[in-house]
N, C-alpha and C. Protein backbone atom coordinates (compact mmCIF):
# COMPACT_ATOMS: atom_id res chain seq x y z
N MET A 1 -82.04 158.82 -80.76
CA MET A 1 -82.78 158.75 -79.51
C MET A 1 -81.83 158.72 -78.33
N SER A 2 -82.17 159.43 -77.30
CA SER A 2 -81.32 159.43 -76.12
C SER A 2 -82.02 158.68 -75.00
N LEU A 3 -81.21 158.11 -74.14
CA LEU A 3 -81.74 157.37 -72.99
C LEU A 3 -82.15 158.36 -71.91
N PRO A 4 -83.15 158.01 -71.10
CA PRO A 4 -83.55 158.91 -70.02
C PRO A 4 -82.44 159.04 -68.99
N ASP A 5 -82.33 160.22 -68.44
CA ASP A 5 -81.32 160.47 -67.41
C ASP A 5 -81.73 159.78 -66.12
N PRO A 6 -80.88 158.86 -65.58
CA PRO A 6 -81.26 158.14 -64.36
C PRO A 6 -81.37 159.04 -63.14
N ARG A 7 -80.87 160.26 -63.24
CA ARG A 7 -80.95 161.17 -62.11
C ARG A 7 -82.26 161.92 -62.05
N VAL A 8 -83.05 161.79 -63.10
CA VAL A 8 -84.34 162.48 -63.15
C VAL A 8 -85.26 161.84 -62.11
N VAL A 9 -85.91 162.67 -61.35
CA VAL A 9 -86.81 162.17 -60.31
C VAL A 9 -88.24 162.50 -60.66
N SER A 10 -89.14 161.72 -60.11
CA SER A 10 -90.56 161.96 -60.33
C SER A 10 -91.05 163.05 -59.37
N THR A 11 -92.32 163.34 -59.46
CA THR A 11 -92.90 164.36 -58.58
C THR A 11 -92.86 163.93 -57.12
N SER A 12 -92.73 162.61 -56.86
CA SER A 12 -92.68 162.15 -55.48
C SER A 12 -91.29 162.29 -54.88
N GLY A 13 -90.29 162.71 -55.72
CA GLY A 13 -88.95 162.86 -55.21
C GLY A 13 -88.12 161.60 -55.34
N MET A 14 -88.70 160.53 -55.84
CA MET A 14 -87.97 159.27 -56.03
C MET A 14 -87.55 159.17 -57.48
N PRO A 15 -86.48 158.40 -57.78
CA PRO A 15 -86.13 158.17 -59.19
C PRO A 15 -87.35 157.66 -59.94
N ALA A 16 -87.48 158.04 -61.20
CA ALA A 16 -88.66 157.71 -61.99
C ALA A 16 -88.92 156.21 -62.06
N ASP A 17 -87.84 155.40 -62.11
CA ASP A 17 -88.03 153.96 -62.21
C ASP A 17 -88.42 153.33 -60.87
N ARG A 18 -88.43 154.10 -59.81
CA ARG A 18 -88.81 153.59 -58.49
C ARG A 18 -90.01 154.34 -57.92
N ASP A 19 -90.75 154.98 -58.76
CA ASP A 19 -91.90 155.77 -58.33
C ASP A 19 -92.95 154.84 -57.72
N PRO A 20 -93.33 155.04 -56.44
CA PRO A 20 -94.29 154.16 -55.81
C PRO A 20 -95.65 154.14 -56.51
N ALA A 21 -95.98 155.19 -57.23
CA ALA A 21 -97.25 155.21 -57.94
C ALA A 21 -97.27 154.18 -59.07
N GLN A 22 -96.09 153.77 -59.54
CA GLN A 22 -96.00 152.80 -60.62
C GLN A 22 -95.87 151.37 -60.11
N LEU A 23 -95.67 151.20 -58.82
CA LEU A 23 -95.51 149.88 -58.24
C LEU A 23 -96.87 149.27 -57.91
N PRO A 24 -96.97 147.92 -57.86
CA PRO A 24 -98.25 147.31 -57.46
C PRO A 24 -98.63 147.74 -56.05
N SER A 25 -99.90 147.81 -55.81
CA SER A 25 -100.39 148.22 -54.50
C SER A 25 -99.97 147.22 -53.43
N ALA A 26 -99.53 147.73 -52.30
CA ALA A 26 -99.11 146.87 -51.19
C ALA A 26 -100.31 146.16 -50.56
N THR A 27 -101.50 146.69 -50.80
CA THR A 27 -102.69 146.06 -50.21
C THR A 27 -103.21 144.92 -51.06
N GLU A 28 -102.78 144.83 -52.34
CA GLU A 28 -103.20 143.73 -53.20
C GLU A 28 -102.46 142.46 -52.81
N PRO A 29 -103.19 141.40 -52.48
CA PRO A 29 -102.48 140.16 -52.16
C PRO A 29 -101.91 139.55 -53.42
N ARG A 30 -100.66 139.11 -53.35
CA ARG A 30 -100.01 138.47 -54.48
C ARG A 30 -100.00 136.97 -54.25
N PRO A 31 -100.24 136.19 -55.29
CA PRO A 31 -100.19 134.74 -55.11
C PRO A 31 -98.78 134.28 -54.80
N TYR A 32 -98.69 133.22 -54.04
CA TYR A 32 -97.40 132.63 -53.67
C TYR A 32 -96.69 132.09 -54.91
N ASP A 33 -95.42 132.38 -55.07
CA ASP A 33 -94.62 131.89 -56.19
C ASP A 33 -93.68 130.80 -55.67
N PRO A 34 -93.96 129.54 -55.99
CA PRO A 34 -93.14 128.44 -55.47
C PRO A 34 -91.84 128.25 -56.25
N LEU A 35 -91.04 129.31 -56.43
CA LEU A 35 -89.80 129.27 -57.18
C LEU A 35 -88.85 128.21 -56.64
N ARG A 36 -88.75 128.11 -55.33
CA ARG A 36 -87.82 127.14 -54.74
C ARG A 36 -88.11 125.72 -55.23
N LEU A 37 -89.38 125.40 -55.42
CA LEU A 37 -89.73 124.05 -55.87
C LEU A 37 -89.21 123.79 -57.28
N CYS A 38 -89.20 124.79 -58.13
CA CYS A 38 -88.63 124.66 -59.47
C CYS A 38 -87.11 124.48 -59.38
N ILE A 39 -86.49 125.22 -58.49
CA ILE A 39 -85.04 125.10 -58.29
C ILE A 39 -84.69 123.70 -57.78
N PHE A 40 -85.48 123.19 -56.84
CA PHE A 40 -85.22 121.85 -56.31
C PHE A 40 -85.31 120.80 -57.41
N ALA A 41 -86.28 120.93 -58.30
CA ALA A 41 -86.42 119.98 -59.40
C ALA A 41 -85.22 120.05 -60.33
N THR A 42 -84.70 121.25 -60.57
CA THR A 42 -83.53 121.39 -61.42
C THR A 42 -82.30 120.77 -60.77
N ILE A 43 -82.14 120.97 -59.48
CA ILE A 43 -81.02 120.35 -58.76
C ILE A 43 -81.14 118.84 -58.80
N ALA A 44 -82.35 118.34 -58.63
CA ALA A 44 -82.56 116.89 -58.70
C ALA A 44 -82.22 116.36 -60.09
N LEU A 45 -82.53 117.14 -61.13
CA LEU A 45 -82.18 116.74 -62.49
C LEU A 45 -80.67 116.60 -62.63
N LEU A 46 -79.95 117.57 -62.11
CA LEU A 46 -78.49 117.51 -62.15
C LEU A 46 -77.96 116.33 -61.35
N GLY A 47 -78.72 115.90 -60.36
CA GLY A 47 -78.33 114.75 -59.55
C GLY A 47 -78.89 113.44 -60.06
N TRP A 48 -79.20 113.38 -61.36
CA TRP A 48 -79.81 112.18 -61.95
C TRP A 48 -79.03 110.92 -61.57
N LEU A 49 -77.74 110.99 -61.57
CA LEU A 49 -76.94 109.81 -61.24
C LEU A 49 -77.16 109.38 -59.80
N GLY A 50 -77.62 110.29 -58.98
CA GLY A 50 -77.94 109.95 -57.60
C GLY A 50 -79.23 109.16 -57.48
N GLY A 51 -79.99 109.11 -58.54
CA GLY A 51 -81.20 108.31 -58.54
C GLY A 51 -82.41 109.05 -59.06
N PRO A 52 -83.15 108.41 -59.96
CA PRO A 52 -84.34 109.05 -60.52
C PRO A 52 -85.49 109.19 -59.52
N VAL A 53 -85.45 108.46 -58.42
CA VAL A 53 -86.50 108.59 -57.41
C VAL A 53 -86.47 110.00 -56.82
N THR A 54 -85.26 110.52 -56.60
CA THR A 54 -85.11 111.87 -56.07
C THR A 54 -85.70 112.89 -57.04
N LEU A 55 -85.40 112.71 -58.32
CA LEU A 55 -85.95 113.61 -59.33
C LEU A 55 -87.47 113.54 -59.34
N LEU A 56 -88.02 112.35 -59.24
CA LEU A 56 -89.47 112.20 -59.25
C LEU A 56 -90.10 112.93 -58.06
N VAL A 57 -89.53 112.77 -56.89
CA VAL A 57 -90.07 113.42 -55.68
C VAL A 57 -90.07 114.94 -55.84
N PHE A 58 -88.95 115.50 -56.25
CA PHE A 58 -88.86 116.97 -56.38
C PHE A 58 -89.72 117.48 -57.53
N ALA A 59 -89.77 116.78 -58.65
CA ALA A 59 -90.57 117.23 -59.79
C ALA A 59 -92.06 117.21 -59.44
N VAL A 60 -92.51 116.15 -58.78
CA VAL A 60 -93.93 116.08 -58.40
C VAL A 60 -94.26 117.15 -57.36
N THR A 61 -93.37 117.35 -56.40
CA THR A 61 -93.58 118.39 -55.38
C THR A 61 -93.68 119.77 -56.04
N GLY A 62 -92.76 120.06 -56.96
CA GLY A 62 -92.80 121.33 -57.67
C GLY A 62 -94.03 121.48 -58.53
N PHE A 63 -94.42 120.41 -59.21
CA PHE A 63 -95.60 120.43 -60.07
C PHE A 63 -96.85 120.74 -59.25
N VAL A 64 -97.00 120.06 -58.12
CA VAL A 64 -98.17 120.29 -57.25
C VAL A 64 -98.16 121.73 -56.74
N GLY A 65 -96.99 122.22 -56.36
CA GLY A 65 -96.88 123.60 -55.88
C GLY A 65 -97.28 124.62 -56.94
N TYR A 66 -96.84 124.41 -58.17
CA TYR A 66 -97.18 125.33 -59.25
C TYR A 66 -98.64 125.21 -59.66
N VAL A 67 -99.22 124.02 -59.60
CA VAL A 67 -100.65 123.88 -59.89
C VAL A 67 -101.45 124.69 -58.88
N ARG A 68 -101.10 124.57 -57.60
CA ARG A 68 -101.80 125.33 -56.56
C ARG A 68 -101.63 126.83 -56.75
N ALA A 69 -100.41 127.24 -57.08
CA ALA A 69 -100.15 128.67 -57.27
C ALA A 69 -100.90 129.20 -58.49
N ARG A 70 -100.95 128.42 -59.54
CA ARG A 70 -101.68 128.85 -60.75
C ARG A 70 -103.17 128.99 -60.46
N ARG A 71 -103.71 128.04 -59.69
CA ARG A 71 -105.13 128.14 -59.31
C ARG A 71 -105.40 129.36 -58.45
N ALA A 72 -104.37 129.79 -57.69
CA ALA A 72 -104.51 130.98 -56.84
C ALA A 72 -104.31 132.27 -57.63
N GLY A 73 -103.94 132.15 -58.91
CA GLY A 73 -103.82 133.34 -59.73
C GLY A 73 -102.44 133.66 -60.24
N LEU A 74 -101.43 132.90 -59.88
CA LEU A 74 -100.07 133.17 -60.35
C LEU A 74 -99.96 132.80 -61.82
N ARG A 75 -99.59 133.74 -62.65
CA ARG A 75 -99.43 133.47 -64.08
C ARG A 75 -97.97 133.56 -64.51
N PHE A 76 -97.18 134.37 -63.82
CA PHE A 76 -95.77 134.51 -64.15
C PHE A 76 -94.94 134.27 -62.90
N SER A 77 -93.93 133.44 -63.06
CA SER A 77 -93.08 133.02 -61.95
C SER A 77 -91.72 133.70 -62.02
N LYS A 78 -90.99 133.65 -60.95
CA LYS A 78 -89.61 134.12 -60.94
C LYS A 78 -88.68 133.07 -61.53
N CYS A 79 -89.22 131.91 -61.83
CA CYS A 79 -88.46 130.84 -62.47
C CYS A 79 -87.96 131.34 -63.83
N LEU A 80 -86.86 130.82 -64.30
CA LEU A 80 -86.29 131.23 -65.59
C LEU A 80 -87.30 131.10 -66.73
N LEU A 81 -88.19 130.15 -66.67
CA LEU A 81 -89.18 129.94 -67.73
C LEU A 81 -90.30 130.97 -67.71
N ARG A 82 -90.47 131.70 -66.61
CA ARG A 82 -91.43 132.78 -66.41
C ARG A 82 -92.89 132.33 -66.40
N ASP A 83 -93.41 131.86 -67.52
CA ASP A 83 -94.82 131.49 -67.62
C ASP A 83 -95.05 130.20 -66.84
N THR A 84 -96.04 130.21 -65.94
CA THR A 84 -96.27 129.02 -65.10
C THR A 84 -96.67 127.81 -65.92
N ARG A 85 -97.27 128.01 -67.09
CA ARG A 85 -97.59 126.86 -67.95
C ARG A 85 -96.32 126.17 -68.41
N LEU A 86 -95.30 126.95 -68.77
CA LEU A 86 -94.02 126.37 -69.19
C LEU A 86 -93.35 125.64 -68.03
N VAL A 87 -93.45 126.22 -66.84
CA VAL A 87 -92.86 125.57 -65.67
C VAL A 87 -93.56 124.23 -65.42
N LEU A 88 -94.88 124.20 -65.56
CA LEU A 88 -95.63 122.94 -65.37
C LEU A 88 -95.23 121.90 -66.41
N VAL A 89 -95.04 122.31 -67.65
CA VAL A 89 -94.60 121.37 -68.69
C VAL A 89 -93.20 120.85 -68.36
N TYR A 90 -92.32 121.74 -67.93
CA TYR A 90 -90.96 121.35 -67.55
C TYR A 90 -90.97 120.35 -66.40
N LEU A 91 -91.70 120.66 -65.34
CA LEU A 91 -91.74 119.77 -64.18
C LEU A 91 -92.43 118.44 -64.52
N GLY A 92 -93.47 118.49 -65.33
CA GLY A 92 -94.13 117.26 -65.78
C GLY A 92 -93.18 116.41 -66.60
N GLY A 93 -92.40 117.04 -67.48
CA GLY A 93 -91.40 116.31 -68.26
C GLY A 93 -90.35 115.66 -67.38
N LEU A 94 -89.92 116.38 -66.35
CA LEU A 94 -88.96 115.79 -65.41
C LEU A 94 -89.54 114.58 -64.69
N ALA A 95 -90.82 114.65 -64.33
CA ALA A 95 -91.47 113.52 -63.67
C ALA A 95 -91.53 112.31 -64.61
N VAL A 96 -91.82 112.56 -65.88
CA VAL A 96 -91.86 111.47 -66.87
C VAL A 96 -90.46 110.86 -67.02
N LEU A 97 -89.45 111.71 -67.12
CA LEU A 97 -88.07 111.20 -67.21
C LEU A 97 -87.70 110.38 -65.98
N ALA A 98 -88.11 110.84 -64.81
CA ALA A 98 -87.83 110.10 -63.58
C ALA A 98 -88.51 108.74 -63.60
N GLY A 99 -89.78 108.71 -64.02
CA GLY A 99 -90.49 107.44 -64.11
C GLY A 99 -89.82 106.49 -65.07
N TRP A 100 -89.35 107.02 -66.20
CA TRP A 100 -88.64 106.20 -67.17
C TRP A 100 -87.35 105.65 -66.58
N GLY A 101 -86.63 106.49 -65.84
CA GLY A 101 -85.40 106.05 -65.18
C GLY A 101 -85.65 104.96 -64.14
N ILE A 102 -86.71 105.11 -63.38
CA ILE A 102 -87.05 104.10 -62.38
C ILE A 102 -87.40 102.80 -63.09
N TRP A 103 -88.16 102.89 -64.18
CA TRP A 103 -88.54 101.69 -64.95
C TRP A 103 -87.30 100.99 -65.49
N LEU A 104 -86.32 101.77 -65.97
CA LEU A 104 -85.08 101.18 -66.48
C LEU A 104 -84.31 100.48 -65.37
N GLN A 105 -84.28 101.06 -64.20
CA GLN A 105 -83.56 100.48 -63.07
C GLN A 105 -84.20 99.17 -62.61
N LEU A 106 -85.55 99.14 -62.65
CA LEU A 106 -86.26 97.94 -62.19
C LEU A 106 -86.25 96.85 -63.24
N GLY A 107 -86.13 97.21 -64.52
CA GLY A 107 -86.22 96.25 -65.61
C GLY A 107 -84.94 95.69 -66.02
């Protein structure tokens, strides 16, 4: 099997992999993808030594953002985990870990 020639163009004159006919319609509204909120939660995880309260704040903020986005129709995120259900499980897990850390600090 041979790979397609990247120089081949479609009937529109654009490379085949960039053919506007294959792209989503610009008039279709796309749901907001709260990728930054997932990134913030990951950074807060790396900063665990800085305090679990920070992790809890970012994880809950990200979780709420992804719940809203999922309700608006977002099913796949730009987050590394891709599926918004996995992102919600990840962020929920971070919130639980943060709560456990806070409990350990207070106890």
